[in-house]
Structures are given as structure tokens and as C-alpha cells.
C-alpha atoms as a PDB file:
ATOM      1  CA  MET A   1      -0.058  -0.087  -0.152  1.00  0.00           C
ATOM      2  CA  ILE A   2       1.244   3.431  -0.885  1.00  0.00           C
ATOM      3  CA  LYS A   3       0.134   6.934   0.300  1.00  0.00           C
ATOM      4  CA  VAL A   4      -0.610   9.517  -2.225  1.00  0.00           C
ATOM      5  CA  THR A   5      -2.387  12.864  -2.054  1.00  0.00           C
ATOM      6  CA  LYS A   6      -5.273  13.780  -4.357  1.00  0.00           C
ATOM      7  CA  LEU A   7      -5.411  17.002  -5.968  1.00  0.00           C
ATOM      8  CA  ASN A   8      -8.041  18.232  -3.372  1.00  0.00           C
ATOM      9  CA  GLY A   9      -5.272  17.722  -0.728  1.00  0.00           C
ATOM     10  CA  ARG A  10      -6.701  14.561   0.841  1.00  0.00           C
ATOM     11  CA  GLU A  11      -4.440  11.714   1.338  1.00  0.00           C
ATOM     12  CA  LEU A  12      -5.472   8.270  -0.069  1.00  0.00           C
ATOM     13  CA  VAL A  13      -3.970   5.012   0.556  1.00  0.00           C
ATOM     14  CA  VAL A  14      -3.645   2.790  -2.930  1.00  0.00           C
ATOM     15  CA  ASN A  15      -2.929  -0.903  -3.257  1.00  0.00           C
ATOM     16  CA  ALA A  16       0.302  -0.729  -5.260  1.00  0.00           C
ATOM     17  CA  ASP A  17      -0.413  -4.269  -6.588  1.00  0.00           C
ATOM     18  CA  LEU A  18      -3.294  -2.878  -8.571  1.00  0.00           C
ATOM     19  CA  ILE A  19      -1.296  -0.102 -10.422  1.00  0.00           C
ATOM     20  CA  GLU A  20      -1.393  -0.798 -14.148  1.00  0.00           C
ATOM     21  CA  PHE A  21       0.306   2.288 -15.395  1.00  0.00           C
ATOM     22  CA  ILE A  22       1.080   5.823 -14.462  1.00  0.00           C
ATOM     23  CA  GLU A  23       1.161   8.863 -16.711  1.00  0.00           C
ATOM     24  CA  SER A  24       2.329  12.551 -16.167  1.00  0.00           C
ATOM     25  CA  THR A  25      -0.105  14.810 -17.992  1.00  0.00           C
ATOM     26  CA  PRO A  26       1.520  17.008 -16.488  1.00  0.00           C
ATOM     27  CA  ASP A  27      -0.438  15.962 -13.348  1.00  0.00           C
ATOM     28  CA  THR A  28       0.190  12.420 -12.160  1.00  0.00           C
ATOM     29  CA  LEU A  29      -2.390  10.068 -13.199  1.00  0.00           C
ATOM     30  CA  ILE A  30      -2.471   6.406 -11.587  1.00  0.00           C
ATOM     31  CA  SER A  31      -4.555   3.840 -13.686  1.00  0.00           C
ATOM     32  CA  LEU A  32      -5.587   0.905 -11.646  1.00  0.00           C
ATOM     33  CA  THR A  33      -6.224  -2.520 -13.102  1.00  0.00           C
ATOM     34  CA  THR A  34     -10.067  -1.869 -11.874  1.00  0.00           C
ATOM     35  CA  GLY A  35     -10.298   0.622 -14.179  1.00  0.00           C
ATOM     36  CA  ARG A  36     -10.295   3.545 -11.446  1.00  0.00           C
ATOM     37  CA  LYS A  37      -8.053   6.350 -12.205  1.00  0.00           C
ATOM     38  CA  ILE A  38      -6.471   8.768  -9.353  1.00  0.00           C
ATOM     39  CA  MET A  39      -4.993  11.976 -10.157  1.00  0.00           C
ATOM     40  CA  VAL A  40      -2.414  12.694  -7.301  1.00  0.00           C
ATOM     41  CA  LEU A  41       0.091  15.594  -6.475  1.00  0.00           C
ATOM     42  CA  GLU A  42       3.198  13.396  -6.346  1.00  0.00           C
ATOM     43  CA  ASP A  43       5.269  13.305  -9.364  1.00  0.00           C
ATOM     44  CA  LEU A  44       5.512  10.253 -11.634  1.00  0.00           C
ATOM     45  CA  ASP A  45       8.981   9.308 -10.185  1.00  0.00           C
ATOM     46  CA  GLU A  46       7.800   9.589  -6.521  1.00  0.00           C
ATOM     47  CA  VAL A  47       4.853   7.299  -7.038  1.00  0.00           C
ATOM     48  CA  ILE A  48       7.281   4.802  -8.891  1.00  0.00           C
ATOM     49  CA  ARG A  49       9.636   4.895  -5.985  1.00  0.00           C
ATOM     50  CA  MET A  50       7.030   4.282  -3.275  1.00  0.00           C
ATOM     51  CA  ALA A  51       5.344   1.487  -5.408  1.00  0.00           C
ATOM     52  CA  VAL A  52       9.015  -0.154  -5.869  1.00  0.00           C
ATOM     53  CA  GLY A  53       9.565   0.315  -2.108  1.00  0.00           C
ATOM     54  CA  TYR A  54       6.370  -1.255  -1.234  1.00  0.00           C
ATOM     55  CA  ARG A  55       7.015  -4.398  -3.428  1.00  0.00           C
ATOM     56  CA  ALA A  56      10.427  -4.700  -1.608  1.00  0.00           C
ATOM     57  CA  LYS A  57       9.240  -4.654   1.686  1.00  0.00           C
ATOM     58  CA  ALA A  58       6.664  -7.143   0.649  1.00  0.00           C
ATOM     59  CA  ARG A  59       9.439  -9.484  -0.077  1.00  0.00           C
ATOM     60  CA  ILE A  60      11.424  -9.008   2.966  1.00  0.00           C
ATOM     61  CA  TYR A  61       9.637 -11.913   4.650  1.00  0.00           C
ATOM     62  CA  PRO A  62      10.468 -15.305   3.278  1.00  0.00           C
ATOM     63  CA  ILE A  63       7.565 -17.801   2.699  1.00  0.00           C
ATOM     64  CA  PRO A  64       8.063 -20.706   4.944  1.00  0.00           C
ATOM     65  CA  THR A  65       8.532 -24.019   3.077  1.00  0.00           C
ATOM     66  CA  GLY A  66       8.278 -27.764   4.361  1.00  0.00           C
ATOM     67  CA  GLY A  67       7.869 -28.759   8.133  1.00  0.00           C
ATOM     68  CA  THR A  68       4.938 -29.700   9.848  1.00  0.00           C
ATOM     69  CA  GLY A  69       4.283 -26.597  11.852  1.00  0.00           C
ATOM     70  CA  SER A  70       1.962 -23.635  11.160  1.00  0.00           C
ATOM     71  CA  VAL A  71       3.216 -20.233   9.829  1.00  0.00           C
ATOM     72  CA  PHE A  72       1.072 -18.946  12.538  1.00  0.00           C
ATOM     73  CA  GLU A  73       2.980 -20.901  15.492  1.00  0.00           C
ATOM     74  CA  GLY A  74       5.408 -18.736  17.320  1.00  0.00           C
END
């Protein structure tokens, strides 16, 4: 999830996994795979940086393999 600012100044959290493409028109327009479009104050490079950072954080925790225990056991 990334936090962006709409043109009216309201903050919005977007699921970065749903970003299909980003345009600079000159405002930044985020198009989601759902068909929704969001115009934001952050520039194109900042949105890309946040999305890449989110994906990097999501991959920090390895997926457990093998074993007989549950991933929820401490």
C-alpha cells in the first residue's frame, strides 16, 4: 500500500499491486487494473519510488517451506 495525495489535498492509500500504469499529464495519473483512475500531487518518479519500495518490503519476509508446523505458530 502506498500513500498518495489527491489534487484536493486529501490523502489516499492505494494498493500498489493494482497499479497498471502511471502517466504524467502534467499531473500524475495513476490507472489501476480495476479501471479506476486517480490524479495525485506526487510526481511520476515519486509514485514509482513508493510502489517499488512497497514491493521490496513485501518480499522481505520469506515464505516458509516444508515442516509440519503452522506459519502462525510462534
